[in-house]
PDB file of N, CA and C in Angstrom:
ATOM      1  N   UNK A   1      63.340 117.896 156.663  1.00  0.00           N
ATOM      2  CA  UNK A   1      62.647 118.398 155.621  1.00  0.00           C
ATOM      3  C   UNK A   1      63.445 119.462 154.837  1.00  0.00           C
ATOM      4  N   UNK A   2      63.461 119.554 153.558  1.00  0.00           N
ATOM      5  CA  UNK A   2      64.085 120.409 152.925  1.00  0.00           C
ATOM      6  C   UNK A   2      63.173 121.493 152.158  1.00  0.00           C
ATOM      7  N   UNK A   3      63.873 122.588 151.928  1.00  0.00           N
ATOM      8  CA  UNK A   3      62.956 123.663 151.187  1.00  0.00           C
ATOM      9  C   UNK A   3      62.807 123.180 149.693  1.00  0.00           C
ATOM     10  N   UNK A   4      61.949 123.748 149.063  1.00  0.00           N
ATOM     11  CA  UNK A   4      61.662 123.505 147.829  1.00  0.00           C
ATOM     12  C   UNK A   4      62.796 123.662 146.776  1.00  0.00           C
ATOM     13  N   UNK A   5      63.593 124.603 146.932  1.00  0.00           N
ATOM     14  CA  UNK A   5      64.613 124.985 145.761  1.00  0.00           C
ATOM     15  C   UNK A   5      65.792 124.288 146.172  1.00  0.00           C
ATOM     16  N   UNK A   6      65.870 123.548 147.182  1.00  0.00           N
ATOM     17  CA  UNK A   6      67.395 123.043 147.687  1.00  0.00           C
ATOM     18  C   UNK A   6      67.696 121.600 146.765  1.00  0.00           C
ATOM     19  N   UNK A   7      66.735 120.866 146.398  1.00  0.00           N
ATOM     20  CA  UNK A   7      67.109 119.727 145.749  1.00  0.00           C
ATOM     21  C   UNK A   7      67.014 119.745 144.231  1.00  0.00           C
ATOM     22  N   UNK A   8      66.758 120.953 143.738  1.00  0.00           N
ATOM     23  CA  UNK A   8      66.840 121.164 142.294  1.00  0.00           C
ATOM     24  C   UNK A   8      68.375 121.068 141.637  1.00  0.00           C
ATOM     25  N   UNK A   9      69.184 121.472 142.489  1.00  0.00           N
ATOM     26  CA  UNK A   9      70.703 121.125 141.732  1.00  0.00           C
ATOM     27  C   UNK A   9      71.236 119.841 141.797  1.00  0.00           C
ATOM     28  N   UNK A  10      70.619 119.071 142.512  1.00  0.00           N
ATOM     29  CA  UNK A  10      71.306 117.457 142.492  1.00  0.00           C
ATOM     30  C   UNK A  10      70.839 117.027 141.042  1.00  0.00           C
ATOM     31  N   UNK A  11      71.598 116.097 140.501  1.00  0.00           N
ATOM     32  CA  UNK A  11      71.090 115.509 139.382  1.00  0.00           C
ATOM     33  C   UNK A  11      70.116 114.450 139.534  1.00  0.00           C
ATOM     34  N   UNK A  12      69.311 114.258 138.605  1.00  0.00           N
ATOM     35  CA  UNK A  12      68.224 113.254 138.764  1.00  0.00           C
ATOM     36  C   UNK A  12      68.803 111.794 138.757  1.00  0.00           C
ATOM     37  N   UNK A  13      67.823 110.899 139.269  1.00  0.00           N
ATOM     38  CA  UNK A  13      68.380 109.355 139.257  1.00  0.00           C
ATOM     39  C   UNK A  13      68.044 108.928 137.933  1.00  0.00           C
ATOM     40  N   UNK A  14      67.238 109.419 136.992  1.00  0.00           N
ATOM     41  CA  UNK A  14      67.020 109.022 135.651  1.00  0.00           C
ATOM     42  C   UNK A  14      68.310 109.380 134.859  1.00  0.00           C
ATOM     43  N   UNK A  15      68.944 108.599 134.227  1.00  0.00           N
ATOM     44  CA  UNK A  15      70.039 108.941 133.258  1.00  0.00           C
ATOM     45  C   UNK A  15      69.538 109.218 131.879  1.00  0.00           C
ATOM     46  N   UNK A  16      69.852 110.140 130.975  1.00  0.00           N
ATOM     47  CA  UNK A  16      69.283 110.122 129.737  1.00  0.00           C
ATOM     48  C   UNK A  16      69.990 109.068 129.005  1.00  0.00           C
ATOM     49  N   UNK A  17      69.274 108.716 127.909  1.00  0.00           N
ATOM     50  CA  UNK A  17      69.818 107.699 126.863  1.00  0.00           C
ATOM     51  C   UNK A  17      70.999 108.113 126.158  1.00  0.00           C
ATOM     52  N   UNK A  18      72.072 107.391 126.057  1.00  0.00           N
ATOM     53  CA  UNK A  18      73.196 107.847 125.174  1.00  0.00           C
ATOM     54  C   UNK A  18      73.059 107.245 123.927  1.00  0.00           C
ATOM     55  N   UNK A  19      73.401 108.110 123.040  1.00  0.00           N
ATOM     56  CA  UNK A  19      73.212 107.573 121.591  1.00  0.00           C
ATOM     57  C   UNK A  19      74.254 108.326 120.685  1.00  0.00           C
ATOM     58  N   UNK A  20      74.699 107.888 119.522  1.00  0.00           N
ATOM     59  CA  UNK A  20      75.273 108.812 118.495  1.00  0.00           C
ATOM     60  C   UNK A  20      74.281 108.869 117.419  1.00  0.00           C
ATOM     61  N   UNK A  21      74.427 110.267 116.830  1.00  0.00           N
ATOM     62  CA  UNK A  21      73.815 110.553 115.541  1.00  0.00           C
ATOM     63  C   UNK A  21      74.215 109.678 114.638  1.00  0.00           C
ATOM     64  N   UNK A  22      73.193 109.269 113.681  1.00  0.00           N
ATOM     65  CA  UNK A  22      73.545 108.438 112.743  1.00  0.00           C
ATOM     66  C   UNK A  22      74.650 108.724 111.779  1.00  0.00           C
ATOM     67  N   UNK A  23      74.669 110.177 111.431  1.00  0.00           N
ATOM     68  CA  UNK A  23      75.715 110.699 110.443  1.00  0.00           C
ATOM     69  C   UNK A  23      77.140 110.672 111.025  1.00  0.00           C
ATOM     70  N   UNK A  24      77.235 110.967 112.330  1.00  0.00           N
ATOM     71  CA  UNK A  24      78.406 111.069 113.075  1.00  0.00           C
ATOM     72  C   UNK A  24      78.994 109.523 113.236  1.00  0.00           C
ATOM     73  N   UNK A  25      78.184 108.625 113.621  1.00  0.00           N
ATOM     74  CA  UNK A  25      78.416 107.296 113.682  1.00  0.00           C
ATOM     75  C   UNK A  25      78.856 106.703 112.371  1.00  0.00           C
ATOM     76  N   UNK A  26      78.268 106.890 111.256  1.00  0.00           N
ATOM     77  CA  UNK A  26      78.915 106.482 109.889  1.00  0.00           C
ATOM     78  C   UNK A  26      80.125 107.150 109.592  1.00  0.00           C
ATOM     79  N   UNK A  27      80.324 108.596 109.915  1.00  0.00           N
ATOM     80  CA  UNK A  27      81.620 108.958 109.542  1.00  0.00           C
ATOM     81  C   UNK A  27      82.605 108.398 110.402  1.00  0.00           C
ATOM     82  N   UNK A  28      82.365 108.182 111.678  1.00  0.00           N
ATOM     83  CA  UNK A  28      83.450 107.365 112.525  1.00  0.00           C
ATOM     84  C   UNK A  28      83.916 106.161 111.957  1.00  0.00           C
ATOM     85  N   UNK A  29      82.808 105.265 111.505  1.00  0.00           N
ATOM     86  CA  UNK A  29      83.184 103.983 110.999  1.00  0.00           C
ATOM     87  C   UNK A  29      83.920 104.019 109.688  1.00  0.00           C
ATOM     88  N   UNK A  30      83.723 105.037 108.815  1.00  0.00           N
ATOM     89  CA  UNK A  30      84.522 105.288 107.533  1.00  0.00           C
ATOM     90  C   UNK A  30      85.769 105.742 107.856  1.00  0.00           C
ATOM     91  N   UNK A  31      86.064 106.604 108.869  1.00  0.00           N
ATOM     92  CA  UNK A  31      87.519 106.837 109.231  1.00  0.00           C
ATOM     93  C   UNK A  31      87.973 105.561 109.898  1.00  0.00           C
ATOM     94  N   UNK A  32      87.406 104.852 110.651  1.00  0.00           N
ATOM     95  CA  UNK A  32      88.037 103.618 111.069  1.00  0.00           C
ATOM     96  C   UNK A  32      88.457 102.613 109.971  1.00  0.00           C
ATOM     97  N   UNK A  33      87.408 102.487 109.192  1.00  0.00           N
ATOM     98  CA  UNK A  33      87.891 101.678 107.882  1.00  0.00           C
ATOM     99  C   UNK A  33      89.021 102.272 107.177  1.00  0.00           C
ATOM    100  N   UNK A  34      89.165 103.605 106.957  1.00  0.00           N
ATOM    101  CA  UNK A  34      90.168 104.171 106.422  1.00  0.00           C
ATOM    102  C   UNK A  34      91.555 104.121 106.929  1.00  0.00           C
ATOM    103  N   UNK A  35      91.544 104.056 108.291  1.00  0.00           N
ATOM    104  CA  UNK A  35      92.720 103.672 109.004  1.00  0.00           C
ATOM    105  C   UNK A  35      93.125 102.247 108.952  1.00  0.00           C
ATOM    106  N   UNK A  36      92.363 101.347 108.852  1.00  0.00           N
ATOM    107  CA  UNK A  36      92.793  99.904 108.639  1.00  0.00           C
ATOM    108  C   UNK A  36      93.121  99.672 107.066  1.00  0.00           C
ATOM    109  N   UNK A  37      92.891 100.459 106.232  1.00  0.00           N
ATOM    110  CA  UNK A  37      93.397 100.387 104.742  1.00  0.00           C
ATOM    111  C   UNK A  37      94.831 100.027 104.521  1.00  0.00           C
ATOM    112  N   UNK A  38      95.743 100.746 105.408  1.00  0.00           N
ATOM    113  CA  UNK A  38      97.068 100.496 105.204  1.00  0.00           C
ATOM    114  C   UNK A  38      97.502  99.136 105.490  1.00  0.00           C
ATOM    115  N   UNK A  39      96.943  98.428 106.594  1.00  0.00           N
ATOM    116  CA  UNK A  39      97.346  97.277 107.071  1.00  0.00           C
ATOM    117  C   UNK A  39      96.770  96.141 106.162  1.00  0.00           C
ATOM    118  N   UNK A  40      95.549  96.361 105.377  1.00  0.00           N
ATOM    119  CA  UNK A  40      94.945  95.604 104.511  1.00  0.00           C
ATOM    120  C   UNK A  40      96.051  95.381 103.264  1.00  0.00           C
ATOM    121  N   UNK A  41      96.252  96.627 103.068  1.00  0.00           N
ATOM    122  CA  UNK A  41      97.361  96.729 101.786  1.00  0.00           C
ATOM    123  C   UNK A  41      98.685  96.047 102.108  1.00  0.00           C
ATOM    124  N   UNK A  42      99.163  96.231 103.163  1.00  0.00           N
ATOM    125  CA  UNK A  42     100.541  95.308 103.732  1.00  0.00           C
ATOM    126  C   UNK A  42     100.251  93.921 103.709  1.00  0.00           C
ATOM    127  N   UNK A  43      99.139  93.540 104.181  1.00  0.00           N
ATOM    128  CA  UNK A  43      98.788  92.139 104.147  1.00  0.00           C
ATOM    129  C   UNK A  43      98.627  91.708 102.672  1.00  0.00           C
ATOM    130  N   UNK A  44      98.154  92.260 101.805  1.00  0.00           N
ATOM    131  CA  UNK A  44      97.944  91.887 100.480  1.00  0.00           C
ATOM    132  C   UNK A  44      99.013  91.896  99.903  1.00  0.00           C
ATOM    133  N   UNK A  45      99.972  92.949  99.965  1.00  0.00           N
ATOM    134  CA  UNK A  45     101.042  93.024  99.204  1.00  0.00           C
ATOM    135  C   UNK A  45     102.240  92.005  99.718  1.00  0.00           C
ATOM    136  N   UNK A  46     102.115  91.551 100.897  1.00  0.00           N
ATOM    137  CA  UNK A  46     103.043  90.380 101.496  1.00  0.00           C
ATOM    138  C   UNK A  46     102.662  89.092 101.208  1.00  0.00           C
ATOM    139  N   UNK A  47     101.540  88.991 100.709  1.00  0.00           N
ATOM    140  CA  UNK A  47     100.890  87.613 100.434  1.00  0.00           C
ATOM    141  C   UNK A  47     101.882  86.782  99.359  1.00  0.00           C
ATOM    142  N   UNK A  48     102.430  87.443  98.310  1.00  0.00           N
ATOM    143  CA  UNK A  48     103.321  86.789  97.506  1.00  0.00           C
ATOM    144  C   UNK A  48     104.489  86.209  98.134  1.00  0.00           C
ATOM    145  N   UNK A  49     104.983  86.602  99.286  1.00  0.00           N
ATOM    146  CA  UNK A  49     106.041  86.171 100.016  1.00  0.00           C
ATOM    147  C   UNK A  49     105.749  84.566 100.609  1.00  0.00           C
ATOM    148  N   UNK A  50     104.502  84.309 100.600  1.00  0.00           N
ATOM    149  CA  UNK A  50     104.042  83.031 100.884  1.00  0.00           C
ATOM    150  C   UNK A  50     103.980  82.011  99.770  1.00  0.00           C
ATOM    151  N   UNK A  51     104.047  82.416  98.669  1.00  0.00           N
ATOM    152  CA  UNK A  51     103.716  81.522  97.675  1.00  0.00           C
ATOM    153  C   UNK A  51     105.108  80.636  97.381  1.00  0.00           C
ATOM    154  N   UNK A  52     104.950  79.365  96.890  1.00  0.00           N
ATOM    155  CA  UNK A  52     105.891  78.427  96.676  1.00  0.00           C
ATOM    156  C   UNK A  52     106.969  79.069  95.808  1.00  0.00           C
ATOM    157  N   UNK A  53     108.247  78.454  96.231  1.00  0.00           N
ATOM    158  CA  UNK A  53     109.299  78.937  95.201  1.00  0.00           C
ATOM    159  C   UNK A  53     109.961  77.591  94.669  1.00  0.00           C
ATOM    160  N   UNK A  54     111.064  77.707  94.069  1.00  0.00           N
ATOM    161  CA  UNK A  54     111.896  76.356  93.583  1.00  0.00           C
ATOM    162  C   UNK A  54     112.461  75.616  94.584  1.00  0.00           C
ATOM    163  N   UNK A  55     112.697  76.278  95.965  1.00  0.00           N
ATOM    164  CA  UNK A  55     113.393  75.514  96.965  1.00  0.00           C
ATOM    165  C   UNK A  55     112.539  74.681  97.774  1.00  0.00           C
ATOM    166  N   UNK A  56     111.149  74.785  97.576  1.00  0.00           N
ATOM    167  CA  UNK A  56     110.185  73.917  98.242  1.00  0.00           C
ATOM    168  C   UNK A  56     110.112  72.814  97.532  1.00  0.00           C
ATOM    169  N   UNK A  57     110.478  72.507  96.435  1.00  0.00           N
ATOM    170  CA  UNK A  57     110.144  71.149  95.612  1.00  0.00           C
ATOM    171  C   UNK A  57     108.840  71.338  94.906  1.00  0.00           C
ATOM    172  N   UNK A  58     108.110  72.584  95.386  1.00  0.00           N
ATOM    173  CA  UNK A  58     106.740  72.584  94.518  1.00  0.00           C
ATOM    174  C   UNK A  58     106.999  73.444  93.059  1.00  0.00           C
ATOM    175  N   UNK A  59     105.961  73.377  92.517  1.00  0.00           N
ATOM    176  CA  UNK A  59     105.982  74.204  91.215  1.00  0.00           C
ATOM    177  C   UNK A  59     105.945  75.569  91.581  1.00  0.00           C
ATOM    178  N   UNK A  60     106.872  76.232  91.092  1.00  0.00           N
ATOM    179  CA  UNK A  60     107.057  77.665  91.542  1.00  0.00           C
ATOM    180  C   UNK A  60     106.046  78.756  90.535  1.00  0.00           C
ATOM    181  N   UNK A  61     105.521  79.692  91.099  1.00  0.00           N
ATOM    182  CA  UNK A  61     104.804  80.598  90.378  1.00  0.00           C
ATOM    183  C   UNK A  61     105.802  81.567  89.528  1.00  0.00           C
ATOM    184  N   UNK A  62     105.331  81.779  88.188  1.00  0.00           N
ATOM    185  CA  UNK A  62     106.108  82.834  87.645  1.00  0.00           C
ATOM    186  C   UNK A  62     106.181  84.043  88.189  1.00  0.00           C
ATOM    187  N   UNK A  63     107.283  84.980  88.031  1.00  0.00           N
ATOM    188  CA  UNK A  63     107.404  86.289  88.502  1.00  0.00           C
ATOM    189  C   UNK A  63     106.286  87.173  87.937  1.00  0.00           C
ATOM    190  N   UNK A  64     105.929  86.844  86.714  1.00  0.00           N
ATOM    191  CA  UNK A  64     104.895  87.837  85.833  1.00  0.00           C
ATOM    192  C   UNK A  64     103.640  87.652  86.654  1.00  0.00           C
ATOM    193  N   UNK A  65     103.214  86.507  87.256  1.00  0.00           N
ATOM    194  CA  UNK A  65     102.068  86.515  87.893  1.00  0.00           C
ATOM    195  C   UNK A  65     101.982  87.214  89.232  1.00  0.00           C
ATOM    196  N   UNK A  66     103.139  87.233  89.818  1.00  0.00           N
ATOM    197  CA  UNK A  66     103.300  87.802  91.199  1.00  0.00           C
ATOM    198  C   UNK A  66     103.297  89.374  90.934  1.00  0.00           C
ATOM    199  N   UNK A  67     104.043  89.793  89.846  1.00  0.00           N
ATOM    200  CA  UNK A  67     104.035  91.425  89.315  1.00  0.00           C
ATOM    201  C   UNK A  67     102.629  91.679  89.035  1.00  0.00           C
ATOM    202  N   UNK A  68     101.833  90.727  88.380  1.00  0.00           N
ATOM    203  CA  UNK A  68     100.249  91.201  88.043  1.00  0.00           C
ATOM    204  C   UNK A  68      99.601  91.318  89.352  1.00  0.00           C
ATOM    205  N   UNK A  69      99.700  90.321  90.248  1.00  0.00           N
ATOM    206  CA  UNK A  69      99.001  90.493  91.551  1.00  0.00           C
ATOM    207  C   UNK A  69      99.169  91.609  92.280  1.00  0.00           C
ATOM    208  N   UNK A  70     100.506  92.049  92.302  1.00  0.00           N
ATOM    209  CA  UNK A  70     100.863  93.355  93.226  1.00  0.00           C
ATOM    210  C   UNK A  70     100.287  94.633  92.405  1.00  0.00           C
ATOM    211  N   UNK A  71     100.331  94.489  91.305  1.00  0.00           N
ATOM    212  CA  UNK A  71      99.795  95.606  90.489  1.00  0.00           C
ATOM    213  C   UNK A  71      98.254  95.823  90.611  1.00  0.00           C
ATOM    214  N   UNK A  72      97.677  94.741  90.598  1.00  0.00           N
ATOM    215  CA  UNK A  72      96.225  94.459  90.769  1.00  0.00           C
ATOM    216  C   UNK A  72      95.970  94.974  92.194  1.00  0.00           C
ATOM    217  N   UNK A  73      96.492  94.513  93.316  1.00  0.00           N
ATOM    218  CA  UNK A  73      96.601  94.957  94.565  1.00  0.00           C
ATOM    219  C   UNK A  73      96.449  96.410  94.862  1.00  0.00           C
ATOM    220  N   UNK A  74      97.564  97.162  94.217  1.00  0.00           N
ATOM    221  CA  UNK A  74      97.813  98.540  94.276  1.00  0.00           C
ATOM    222  C   UNK A  74      96.697  99.150  93.638  1.00  0.00           C
ATOM    223  N   UNK A  75      96.293  98.876  92.539  1.00  0.00           N
ATOM    224  CA  UNK A  75      95.062  99.486  91.857  1.00  0.00           C
ATOM    225  C   UNK A  75      93.712  99.246  92.729  1.00  0.00           C
ATOM    226  N   UNK A  76      93.572  98.248  93.285  1.00  0.00           N
ATOM    227  CA  UNK A  76      92.424  97.955  94.132  1.00  0.00           C
ATOM    228  C   UNK A  76      92.600  98.979  95.202  1.00  0.00           C
ATOM    229  N   UNK A  77      93.543  99.163  95.970  1.00  0.00           N
ATOM    230  CA  UNK A  77      93.886  99.860  97.146  1.00  0.00           C
ATOM    231  C   UNK A  77      93.518 101.586  96.787  1.00  0.00           C
ATOM    232  N   UNK A  78      93.999 101.698  95.396  1.00  0.00           N
ATOM    233  CA  UNK A  78      93.802 103.267  95.068  1.00  0.00           C
ATOM    234  C   UNK A  78      92.254 103.347  94.821  1.00  0.00           C
ATOM    235  N   UNK A  79      91.467 102.387  94.201  1.00  0.00           N
ATOM    236  CA  UNK A  79      90.083 102.500  94.188  1.00  0.00           C
ATOM    237  C   UNK A  79      89.299 102.493  95.636  1.00  0.00           C
ATOM    238  N   UNK A  80      89.700 101.801  96.387  1.00  0.00           N
ATOM    239  CA  UNK A  80      89.075 101.835  97.640  1.00  0.00           C
ATOM    240  C   UNK A  80      89.294 103.236  98.377  1.00  0.00           C
ATOM    241  N   UNK A  81      90.484 103.669  98.326  1.00  0.00           N
ATOM    242  CA  UNK A  81      90.756 104.951  98.876  1.00  0.00           C
ATOM    243  C   UNK A  81      89.944 106.053  98.297  1.00  0.00           C
ATOM    244  N   UNK A  82      89.848 106.096  97.007  1.00  0.00           N
ATOM    245  CA  UNK A  82      88.867 106.922  96.267  1.00  0.00           C
ATOM    246  C   UNK A  82      87.467 106.824  96.629  1.00  0.00           C
ATOM    247  N   UNK A  83      87.031 105.601  96.792  1.00  0.00           N
ATOM    248  CA  UNK A  83      85.562 105.526  97.460  1.00  0.00           C
ATOM    249  C   UNK A  83      85.507 106.103  98.727  1.00  0.00           C
ATOM    250  N   UNK A  84      86.440 105.894  99.606  1.00  0.00           N
ATOM    251  CA  UNK A  84      86.410 106.371 100.819  1.00  0.00           C
ATOM    252  C   UNK A  84      86.421 107.944 100.916  1.00  0.00           C
ATOM    253  N   UNK A  85      87.199 108.573  99.979  1.00  0.00           N
ATOM    254  CA  UNK A  85      87.277 109.960  99.826  1.00  0.00           C
ATOM    255  C   UNK A  85      86.099 110.527  99.308  1.00  0.00           C
ATOM    256  N   UNK A  86      85.323 109.879  98.323  1.00  0.00           N
ATOM    257  CA  UNK A  86      84.137 110.456  97.895  1.00  0.00           C
ATOM    258  C   UNK A  86      83.109 110.374  98.867  1.00  0.00           C
ATOM    259  N   UNK A  87      83.061 109.253  99.609  1.00  0.00           N
ATOM    260  CA  UNK A  87      82.078 109.001 100.694  1.00  0.00           C
ATOM    261  C   UNK A  87      82.260 110.009 101.916  1.00  0.00           C
ATOM    262  N   UNK A  88      83.408 110.422 102.245  1.00  0.00           N
ATOM    263  CA  UNK A  88      83.637 111.466 103.150  1.00  0.00           C
ATOM    264  C   UNK A  88      83.301 112.886 102.726  1.00  0.00           C
ATOM    265  N   UNK A  89      83.560 113.090 101.429  1.00  0.00           N
ATOM    266  CA  UNK A  89      83.257 114.419 101.045  1.00  0.00           C
ATOM    267  C   UNK A  89      81.549 114.615 100.855  1.00  0.00           C
ATOM    268  N   UNK A  90      80.991 113.503 100.366  1.00  0.00           N
ATOM    269  CA  UNK A  90      79.595 113.543 100.455  1.00  0.00           C
ATOM    270  C   UNK A  90      78.928 113.705 101.771  1.00  0.00           C
ATOM    271  N   UNK A  91      79.434 112.998 102.823  1.00  0.00           N
ATOM    272  CA  UNK A  91      78.941 113.152 104.127  1.00  0.00           C
ATOM    273  C   UNK A  91      79.064 114.541 104.663  1.00  0.00           C
ATOM    274  N   UNK A  92      80.329 115.077 104.338  1.00  0.00           N
ATOM    275  CA  UNK A  92      80.627 116.566 104.638  1.00  0.00           C
ATOM    276  C   UNK A  92      79.567 117.544 104.176  1.00  0.00           C
ATOM    277  N   UNK A  93      79.352 117.316 102.831  1.00  0.00           N
ATOM    278  CA  UNK A  93      78.464 118.105 102.127  1.00  0.00           C
ATOM    279  C   UNK A  93      76.989 118.137 102.629  1.00  0.00           C
ATOM    280  N   UNK A  94      76.531 116.852 103.040  1.00  0.00           N
ATOM    281  CA  UNK A  94      75.196 116.559 103.552  1.00  0.00           C
ATOM    282  C   UNK A  94      74.964 117.193 105.070  1.00  0.00           C
ATOM    283  N   UNK A  95      76.036 117.138 105.788  1.00  0.00           N
ATOM    284  CA  UNK A  95      76.261 117.871 107.099  1.00  0.00           C
ATOM    285  C   UNK A  95      76.045 119.332 107.070  1.00  0.00           C
ATOM    286  N   UNK A  96      76.698 119.800 105.996  1.00  0.00           N
ATOM    287  CA  UNK A  96      76.484 121.138 105.691  1.00  0.00           C
ATOM    288  C   UNK A  96      75.343 121.791 105.267  1.00  0.00           C
ATOM    289  N   UNK A  97      74.803 120.839 104.666  1.00  0.00           N
ATOM    290  CA  UNK A  97      73.322 121.230 103.775  1.00  0.00           C
ATOM    291  C   UNK A  97      72.081 121.311 104.902  1.00  0.00           C
ATOM    292  N   UNK A  98      72.305 120.476 105.857  1.00  0.00           N
ATOM    293  CA  UNK A  98      71.255 120.175 106.855  1.00  0.00           C
ATOM    294  C   UNK A  98      71.205 121.413 107.630  1.00  0.00           C
ATOM    295  N   UNK A  99      69.938 121.877 107.907  1.00  0.00           N
ATOM    296  CA  UNK A  99      69.655 123.035 108.628  1.00  0.00           C
ATOM    297  C   UNK A  99      70.025 122.839 110.188  1.00  0.00           C
ATOM    298  N   UNK A 100      70.528 124.016 110.703  1.00  0.00           N
ATOM    299  CA  UNK A 100      71.025 124.040 112.087  1.00  0.00           C
ATOM    300  C   UNK A 100      69.654 123.551 112.975  1.00  0.00           C
ATOM    301  N   UNK A 101      69.916 122.686 113.816  1.00  0.00           N
ATOM    302  CA  UNK A 101      68.799 122.278 114.694  1.00  0.00           C
ATOM    303  C   UNK A 101      69.312 122.503 116.171  1.00  0.00           C
ATOM    304  N   UNK A 102      68.324 122.441 117.095  1.00  0.00           N
ATOM    305  CA  UNK A 102      68.723 122.711 118.500  1.00  0.00           C
ATOM    306  C   UNK A 102      69.693 121.436 118.900  1.00  0.00           C
ATOM    307  N   UNK A 103      70.684 121.966 119.718  1.00  0.00           N
ATOM    308  CA  UNK A 103      71.343 120.878 120.218  1.00  0.00           C
ATOM    309  C   UNK A 103      70.636 119.869 121.155  1.00  0.00           C
ATOM    310  N   UNK A 104      71.109 118.703 121.388  1.00  0.00           N
ATOM    311  CA  UNK A 104      70.523 117.805 122.322  1.00  0.00           C
ATOM    312  C   UNK A 104      70.538 118.157 123.744  1.00  0.00           C
ATOM    313  N   UNK A 105      69.508 118.303 124.575  1.00  0.00           N
ATOM    314  CA  UNK A 105      69.641 118.835 125.875  1.00  0.00           C
ATOM    315  C   UNK A 105      69.820 117.741 126.697  1.00  0.00           C
ATOM    316  N   UNK A 106      70.677 117.629 127.985  1.00  0.00           N
ATOM    317  CA  UNK A 106      70.616 116.629 128.751  1.00  0.00           C
ATOM    318  C   UNK A 106      69.536 116.896 129.890  1.00  0.00           C
TER     319      UNK A 106
END
């Protein structure tokens, strides 16, 4: 037999549920998407290298259309990064505006 106070130091067999708060989860997904943006940009900017040229015997695309495509991708990447920046700033402002609550107890 054990005394009443001896078993209280051991962890209970019931594990608490693990979850992420909604705001921190969204912020992490936003950061993940922002980290993938340079790879998306590199893929989009490298795509004209796969377009046919005169050596393939196929009809080549004019250089002006390739330049327009690269400029459009560049502008699109800038707009996407602006959206990510505004969303991150908005999430940070929302977190600061929320009142302090009790931290989650295990």
